[in-house]
N, C-alpha and C. Protein backbone atom coordinates (compact mmCIF):
# COMPACT_ATOMS: atom_id res chain seq x y z
N MET A 1 -26.73 3.94 -12.45
CA MET A 1 -25.38 3.44 -12.24
C MET A 1 -25.43 1.92 -12.20
N SER A 2 -24.52 1.31 -12.91
CA SER A 2 -24.46 -0.14 -12.94
C SER A 2 -23.23 -0.61 -12.18
N ASN A 3 -23.47 -1.46 -11.16
CA ASN A 3 -22.35 -2.02 -10.42
C ASN A 3 -22.56 -3.52 -10.32
N GLU A 4 -21.79 -4.25 -11.10
CA GLU A 4 -21.91 -5.70 -11.16
C GLU A 4 -20.83 -6.38 -10.33
N SER A 5 -20.18 -5.65 -9.43
CA SER A 5 -19.09 -6.19 -8.64
C SER A 5 -19.57 -7.23 -7.64
N THR A 6 -18.70 -8.15 -7.33
CA THR A 6 -18.98 -9.11 -6.27
C THR A 6 -18.76 -8.47 -4.90
N ASN A 7 -18.15 -7.29 -4.88
CA ASN A 7 -17.92 -6.55 -3.63
C ASN A 7 -18.20 -5.08 -3.89
N PRO A 8 -19.47 -4.67 -3.96
CA PRO A 8 -19.81 -3.30 -4.32
C PRO A 8 -19.24 -2.24 -3.38
N ASP A 9 -18.96 -2.59 -2.12
CA ASP A 9 -18.44 -1.62 -1.16
C ASP A 9 -17.03 -1.14 -1.51
N LEU A 10 -16.32 -1.90 -2.32
CA LEU A 10 -14.99 -1.53 -2.81
C LEU A 10 -14.94 -1.96 -4.27
N SER A 11 -15.27 -1.02 -5.16
CA SER A 11 -15.43 -1.43 -6.56
C SER A 11 -15.32 -0.25 -7.52
N PHE A 12 -15.10 -0.61 -8.78
CA PHE A 12 -15.20 0.32 -9.90
C PHE A 12 -16.49 0.00 -10.64
N SER A 13 -17.17 1.03 -11.11
CA SER A 13 -18.38 0.80 -11.90
C SER A 13 -18.53 1.92 -12.93
N SER A 14 -19.40 1.68 -13.89
CA SER A 14 -19.68 2.66 -14.94
C SER A 14 -20.94 3.44 -14.61
N ARG A 15 -20.96 4.69 -15.01
CA ARG A 15 -22.20 5.43 -14.97
C ARG A 15 -23.13 4.81 -16.01
N ALA A 16 -24.42 4.99 -15.89
CA ALA A 16 -25.39 4.35 -16.80
C ALA A 16 -25.12 4.67 -18.26
N ASP A 17 -24.63 5.89 -18.57
CA ASP A 17 -24.38 6.26 -19.96
C ASP A 17 -22.97 5.88 -20.44
N TRP A 18 -22.18 5.26 -19.60
CA TRP A 18 -20.83 4.83 -19.89
C TRP A 18 -19.89 5.98 -20.26
N LEU A 19 -20.21 7.19 -19.84
CA LEU A 19 -19.35 8.34 -20.13
C LEU A 19 -18.46 8.70 -18.94
N ALA A 20 -18.67 8.05 -17.83
CA ALA A 20 -17.86 8.28 -16.63
C ALA A 20 -17.96 7.04 -15.77
N GLY A 21 -17.11 6.97 -14.79
CA GLY A 21 -17.12 5.83 -13.88
C GLY A 21 -17.01 6.28 -12.45
N PHE A 22 -17.07 5.31 -11.56
CA PHE A 22 -17.02 5.59 -10.13
C PHE A 22 -16.09 4.60 -9.45
N LEU A 23 -15.38 5.10 -8.44
CA LEU A 23 -14.65 4.25 -7.51
C LEU A 23 -15.41 4.34 -6.20
N ARG A 24 -15.88 3.22 -5.72
CA ARG A 24 -16.62 3.19 -4.45
C ARG A 24 -15.72 2.55 -3.41
N ALA A 25 -15.53 3.24 -2.28
CA ALA A 25 -14.71 2.73 -1.18
C ALA A 25 -15.40 3.11 0.13
N ASP A 26 -16.47 2.39 0.44
CA ASP A 26 -17.28 2.70 1.62
C ASP A 26 -16.48 2.64 2.92
N ARG A 27 -15.47 1.82 2.96
CA ARG A 27 -14.67 1.66 4.19
C ARG A 27 -14.03 2.97 4.61
N ILE A 28 -13.66 3.82 3.65
CA ILE A 28 -13.04 5.10 3.99
C ILE A 28 -14.02 5.97 4.77
N ARG A 29 -15.29 6.03 4.32
CA ARG A 29 -16.28 6.82 5.05
C ARG A 29 -16.50 6.25 6.45
N LEU A 30 -16.61 4.94 6.55
CA LEU A 30 -16.81 4.29 7.84
C LEU A 30 -15.65 4.63 8.78
N ASP A 31 -14.43 4.42 8.31
CA ASP A 31 -13.26 4.70 9.15
C ASP A 31 -13.19 6.17 9.54
N THR A 32 -13.55 7.07 8.63
CA THR A 32 -13.52 8.51 8.92
C THR A 32 -14.47 8.84 10.06
N LEU A 33 -15.70 8.36 9.96
CA LEU A 33 -16.69 8.65 11.00
C LEU A 33 -16.32 8.01 12.34
N VAL A 34 -15.81 6.78 12.30
CA VAL A 34 -15.41 6.12 13.54
C VAL A 34 -14.25 6.86 14.20
N GLN A 35 -13.27 7.29 13.42
CA GLN A 35 -12.14 8.04 13.98
C GLN A 35 -12.59 9.38 14.55
N LEU A 36 -13.50 10.04 13.84
CA LEU A 36 -14.02 11.32 14.32
C LEU A 36 -14.73 11.14 15.66
N VAL A 37 -15.60 10.14 15.75
CA VAL A 37 -16.36 9.90 16.98
C VAL A 37 -15.44 9.44 18.11
N ALA A 38 -14.44 8.63 17.79
CA ALA A 38 -13.50 8.17 18.82
C ALA A 38 -12.76 9.34 19.44
N SER A 39 -12.33 10.28 18.64
CA SER A 39 -11.64 11.46 19.16
C SER A 39 -12.60 12.39 19.88
N TRP A 40 -13.85 12.39 19.46
CA TRP A 40 -14.88 13.25 20.04
C TRP A 40 -15.06 12.96 21.54
N SER A 41 -14.80 11.72 21.95
CA SER A 41 -14.99 11.36 23.35
C SER A 41 -13.99 12.04 24.28
N ASP A 42 -12.89 12.56 23.75
CA ASP A 42 -11.92 13.32 24.55
C ASP A 42 -12.38 14.77 24.60
N PRO A 43 -12.72 15.29 25.80
CA PRO A 43 -13.26 16.66 25.90
C PRO A 43 -12.35 17.73 25.30
N ASP A 44 -11.04 17.58 25.46
CA ASP A 44 -10.11 18.58 24.90
C ASP A 44 -10.14 18.53 23.38
N ALA A 45 -10.13 17.32 22.82
CA ALA A 45 -10.16 17.18 21.37
C ALA A 45 -11.50 17.63 20.82
N ARG A 46 -12.60 17.39 21.56
CA ARG A 46 -13.94 17.75 21.08
C ARG A 46 -14.03 19.25 20.77
N ASP A 47 -13.49 20.06 21.65
CA ASP A 47 -13.53 21.52 21.42
C ASP A 47 -12.79 21.89 20.14
N ASP A 48 -11.63 21.27 19.92
CA ASP A 48 -10.86 21.54 18.69
C ASP A 48 -11.61 21.04 17.45
N ILE A 49 -12.24 19.87 17.57
CA ILE A 49 -12.99 19.30 16.45
C ILE A 49 -14.17 20.21 16.11
N ILE A 50 -14.89 20.65 17.13
CA ILE A 50 -16.05 21.53 16.89
C ILE A 50 -15.60 22.82 16.21
N ALA A 51 -14.52 23.41 16.69
CA ALA A 51 -14.01 24.65 16.08
C ALA A 51 -13.62 24.40 14.62
N SER A 52 -12.97 23.27 14.36
CA SER A 52 -12.55 22.95 13.00
C SER A 52 -13.76 22.68 12.10
N LEU A 53 -14.76 21.99 12.63
CA LEU A 53 -15.97 21.73 11.85
C LEU A 53 -16.73 23.03 11.56
N ASP A 54 -16.77 23.94 12.54
CA ASP A 54 -17.41 25.24 12.32
C ASP A 54 -16.70 26.02 11.22
N ALA A 55 -15.36 26.01 11.25
CA ALA A 55 -14.58 26.71 10.23
C ALA A 55 -14.82 26.07 8.86
N LEU A 56 -14.88 24.74 8.81
CA LEU A 56 -15.14 24.04 7.56
C LEU A 56 -16.55 24.37 7.05
N ALA A 57 -17.51 24.45 7.94
CA ALA A 57 -18.88 24.79 7.55
C ALA A 57 -18.94 26.18 6.92
N GLU A 58 -18.16 27.11 7.42
CA GLU A 58 -18.11 28.45 6.83
C GLU A 58 -17.54 28.40 5.42
N VAL A 59 -16.51 27.62 5.22
CA VAL A 59 -15.90 27.49 3.89
C VAL A 59 -16.91 26.89 2.92
N VAL A 60 -17.58 25.82 3.36
CA VAL A 60 -18.55 25.13 2.49
C VAL A 60 -19.72 26.05 2.15
N ALA A 61 -20.11 26.91 3.08
CA ALA A 61 -21.25 27.80 2.86
C ALA A 61 -20.95 28.93 1.88
N GLN A 62 -19.68 29.21 1.64
CA GLN A 62 -19.31 30.27 0.71
C GLN A 62 -19.48 29.79 -0.72
N PRO A 63 -20.16 30.60 -1.57
CA PRO A 63 -20.35 30.18 -2.96
C PRO A 63 -19.02 30.01 -3.69
N ARG A 64 -18.09 30.87 -3.43
CA ARG A 64 -16.75 30.79 -4.04
C ARG A 64 -15.72 31.01 -2.95
N SER A 65 -15.24 29.94 -2.42
CA SER A 65 -14.25 30.08 -1.36
C SER A 65 -12.86 30.26 -1.95
N VAL A 66 -11.95 30.70 -1.12
CA VAL A 66 -10.56 30.89 -1.51
C VAL A 66 -9.98 29.54 -1.93
N GLU A 67 -9.20 29.54 -3.00
CA GLU A 67 -8.60 28.30 -3.47
C GLU A 67 -7.79 27.65 -2.36
N GLY A 68 -8.01 26.39 -2.15
CA GLY A 68 -7.30 25.65 -1.11
C GLY A 68 -7.97 25.70 0.25
N ALA A 69 -8.99 26.54 0.41
CA ALA A 69 -9.63 26.68 1.72
C ALA A 69 -10.36 25.40 2.12
N LEU A 70 -11.01 24.75 1.16
CA LEU A 70 -11.73 23.52 1.48
C LEU A 70 -10.75 22.43 1.93
N ASP A 71 -9.67 22.26 1.18
CA ASP A 71 -8.67 21.26 1.57
C ASP A 71 -8.09 21.57 2.94
N ALA A 72 -7.79 22.84 3.20
CA ALA A 72 -7.24 23.24 4.49
C ALA A 72 -8.24 22.99 5.61
N GLY A 73 -9.52 23.26 5.34
CA GLY A 73 -10.55 23.03 6.35
C GLY A 73 -10.70 21.55 6.68
N VAL A 74 -10.68 20.72 5.65
CA VAL A 74 -10.78 19.28 5.88
C VAL A 74 -9.56 18.78 6.65
N GLU A 75 -8.38 19.26 6.27
CA GLU A 75 -7.15 18.85 6.98
C GLU A 75 -7.19 19.28 8.44
N ALA A 76 -7.76 20.46 8.72
CA ALA A 76 -7.87 20.92 10.11
C ALA A 76 -8.75 19.98 10.93
N VAL A 77 -9.86 19.54 10.34
CA VAL A 77 -10.73 18.58 11.04
C VAL A 77 -9.99 17.27 11.26
N GLU A 78 -9.31 16.78 10.22
CA GLU A 78 -8.56 15.53 10.34
C GLU A 78 -7.49 15.63 11.42
N ASP A 79 -6.79 16.75 11.46
CA ASP A 79 -5.76 16.95 12.48
C ASP A 79 -6.37 17.01 13.88
N ALA A 80 -7.47 17.76 14.03
CA ALA A 80 -8.11 17.89 15.34
C ALA A 80 -8.61 16.54 15.84
N ALA A 81 -9.10 15.71 14.94
CA ALA A 81 -9.63 14.39 15.31
C ALA A 81 -8.55 13.31 15.29
N ARG A 82 -7.33 13.68 14.96
CA ARG A 82 -6.21 12.74 14.91
C ARG A 82 -6.53 11.54 14.02
N MET A 83 -7.00 11.85 12.82
CA MET A 83 -7.41 10.80 11.88
C MET A 83 -6.21 10.23 11.13
N ASP A 84 -6.33 8.94 10.82
CA ASP A 84 -5.32 8.26 10.01
C ASP A 84 -5.53 8.60 8.54
N THR A 85 -4.57 8.21 7.72
CA THR A 85 -4.69 8.37 6.27
C THR A 85 -5.89 7.59 5.76
N ALA A 86 -6.62 8.18 4.83
CA ALA A 86 -7.79 7.51 4.25
C ALA A 86 -7.32 6.49 3.23
N GLN A 87 -7.24 5.25 3.66
CA GLN A 87 -6.80 4.19 2.76
C GLN A 87 -7.50 2.89 3.11
N VAL A 88 -7.59 2.03 2.13
CA VAL A 88 -8.24 0.73 2.30
C VAL A 88 -7.22 -0.34 1.93
N PRO A 89 -6.90 -1.23 2.86
CA PRO A 89 -5.97 -2.31 2.51
C PRO A 89 -6.66 -3.31 1.57
N ILE A 90 -5.91 -3.78 0.60
CA ILE A 90 -6.44 -4.79 -0.31
C ILE A 90 -5.44 -5.94 -0.43
N ASP A 91 -5.98 -7.12 -0.60
CA ASP A 91 -5.13 -8.29 -0.82
C ASP A 91 -5.10 -8.63 -2.31
N LYS A 92 -4.43 -9.71 -2.63
CA LYS A 92 -4.27 -10.10 -4.04
C LYS A 92 -5.63 -10.33 -4.71
N THR A 93 -6.53 -10.97 -4.01
CA THR A 93 -7.85 -11.26 -4.58
C THR A 93 -8.58 -9.97 -4.93
N HIS A 94 -8.58 -9.01 -4.00
CA HIS A 94 -9.24 -7.73 -4.26
C HIS A 94 -8.52 -6.97 -5.37
N ALA A 95 -7.19 -7.02 -5.37
CA ALA A 95 -6.43 -6.30 -6.39
C ALA A 95 -6.77 -6.82 -7.79
N LEU A 96 -6.84 -8.13 -7.95
CA LEU A 96 -7.15 -8.70 -9.26
C LEU A 96 -8.60 -8.39 -9.66
N ARG A 97 -9.52 -8.44 -8.70
CA ARG A 97 -10.91 -8.12 -9.01
C ARG A 97 -11.04 -6.66 -9.41
N LEU A 98 -10.39 -5.76 -8.64
CA LEU A 98 -10.43 -4.34 -8.97
C LEU A 98 -9.78 -4.05 -10.31
N LEU A 99 -8.70 -4.75 -10.63
CA LEU A 99 -8.05 -4.58 -11.93
C LEU A 99 -9.01 -4.94 -13.05
N GLY A 100 -9.72 -6.04 -12.91
CA GLY A 100 -10.70 -6.43 -13.92
C GLY A 100 -11.81 -5.40 -14.07
N GLU A 101 -12.31 -4.89 -12.92
CA GLU A 101 -13.36 -3.88 -12.97
C GLU A 101 -12.85 -2.59 -13.61
N LEU A 102 -11.61 -2.20 -13.27
CA LEU A 102 -11.04 -0.98 -13.85
C LEU A 102 -10.79 -1.14 -15.34
N ASN A 103 -10.33 -2.31 -15.75
CA ASN A 103 -10.15 -2.56 -17.19
C ASN A 103 -11.48 -2.47 -17.93
N THR A 104 -12.54 -3.04 -17.35
CA THR A 104 -13.87 -2.95 -17.97
C THR A 104 -14.30 -1.50 -18.07
N LEU A 105 -14.10 -0.73 -17.00
CA LEU A 105 -14.46 0.69 -17.02
C LEU A 105 -13.66 1.44 -18.08
N ALA A 106 -12.35 1.18 -18.15
CA ALA A 106 -11.50 1.86 -19.14
C ALA A 106 -11.94 1.53 -20.55
N GLU A 107 -12.29 0.29 -20.81
CA GLU A 107 -12.78 -0.10 -22.13
C GLU A 107 -14.06 0.66 -22.49
N ARG A 108 -14.95 0.78 -21.54
CA ARG A 108 -16.20 1.50 -21.80
C ARG A 108 -15.95 2.99 -22.04
N LEU A 109 -15.07 3.58 -21.25
CA LEU A 109 -14.81 5.02 -21.38
C LEU A 109 -14.06 5.37 -22.65
N THR A 110 -13.30 4.42 -23.16
CA THR A 110 -12.48 4.71 -24.35
C THR A 110 -13.01 4.04 -25.60
N ARG A 111 -14.24 3.55 -25.58
CA ARG A 111 -14.77 2.77 -26.70
C ARG A 111 -14.83 3.54 -28.01
N PHE A 112 -14.90 4.86 -27.98
CA PHE A 112 -14.99 5.64 -29.21
C PHE A 112 -13.67 6.32 -29.56
N ASP A 113 -12.63 6.11 -28.78
CA ASP A 113 -11.33 6.71 -29.06
C ASP A 113 -10.66 5.96 -30.21
N SER A 114 -10.37 6.68 -31.29
CA SER A 114 -9.77 6.02 -32.45
C SER A 114 -8.32 5.62 -32.19
N GLY A 115 -7.58 6.40 -31.42
CA GLY A 115 -6.19 6.08 -31.14
C GLY A 115 -6.02 5.37 -29.81
N ARG A 116 -7.00 4.60 -29.45
CA ARG A 116 -7.03 3.93 -28.15
C ARG A 116 -5.88 2.96 -27.99
N ARG A 117 -5.32 2.99 -26.79
CA ARG A 117 -4.27 2.04 -26.44
C ARG A 117 -4.85 1.00 -25.51
N SER A 118 -4.31 -0.18 -25.55
CA SER A 118 -4.75 -1.24 -24.66
C SER A 118 -4.37 -0.92 -23.23
N VAL A 119 -5.25 -1.24 -22.31
CA VAL A 119 -4.98 -1.03 -20.90
C VAL A 119 -4.54 -2.36 -20.31
N THR A 120 -3.26 -2.45 -19.99
CA THR A 120 -2.74 -3.70 -19.42
C THR A 120 -1.79 -3.38 -18.29
N MET A 121 -1.54 -4.35 -17.46
CA MET A 121 -0.58 -4.22 -16.38
C MET A 121 0.80 -4.52 -16.93
N PRO A 122 1.83 -3.79 -16.46
CA PRO A 122 3.19 -4.14 -16.89
C PRO A 122 3.55 -5.53 -16.36
N ARG A 123 4.25 -6.27 -17.18
CA ARG A 123 4.64 -7.61 -16.75
C ARG A 123 5.85 -7.53 -15.84
N GLN A 124 5.83 -8.37 -14.83
CA GLN A 124 6.95 -8.41 -13.90
C GLN A 124 8.10 -9.14 -14.56
N ARG A 125 9.30 -8.61 -14.44
CA ARG A 125 10.49 -9.23 -15.01
C ARG A 125 11.31 -9.83 -13.88
N GLY A 126 11.39 -11.12 -13.86
CA GLY A 126 12.18 -11.79 -12.84
C GLY A 126 11.47 -11.81 -11.49
N PRO A 127 12.09 -12.41 -10.51
CA PRO A 127 11.48 -12.51 -9.19
C PRO A 127 11.43 -11.14 -8.50
N ILE A 128 10.56 -11.03 -7.52
CA ILE A 128 10.45 -9.78 -6.76
C ILE A 128 11.79 -9.48 -6.13
N GLY A 129 12.17 -8.21 -6.13
CA GLY A 129 13.44 -7.82 -5.56
C GLY A 129 14.49 -7.56 -6.63
N GLY A 130 14.17 -7.81 -7.88
CA GLY A 130 15.05 -7.46 -8.97
C GLY A 130 16.07 -8.51 -9.37
N ALA A 131 16.22 -9.55 -8.57
CA ALA A 131 17.20 -10.58 -8.93
C ALA A 131 16.65 -11.40 -10.10
N ALA A 132 17.49 -11.66 -11.06
CA ALA A 132 17.05 -12.43 -12.25
C ALA A 132 17.42 -13.87 -12.11
């Protein structure tokens, strides 16, 4: 895997063969574990978290689980641990860097497509808020 980002913890990169890419967002994993452990310190929540993790472990252990069971199991753990939405805030600098990385990835993934369209951002028309 090649990752030439100036911020690899939040980045787009290409697989070595350029047939697929990756979005890396390490902050989501960090926040998930911190939220889980923070809720774990509450004895009442801990019992619910353990029960939810046990149920999730059963789903994961099944070779073919019921459709939607994995998502439901993960949501049960998130609910028991009172976790926030998995998101990473980005500012303008990160947005522009990520856009460049995503454009590079898109170019690599579509390099053999004969009917390839250019990947560009829509241009803003007028000032923010719609007033011209």
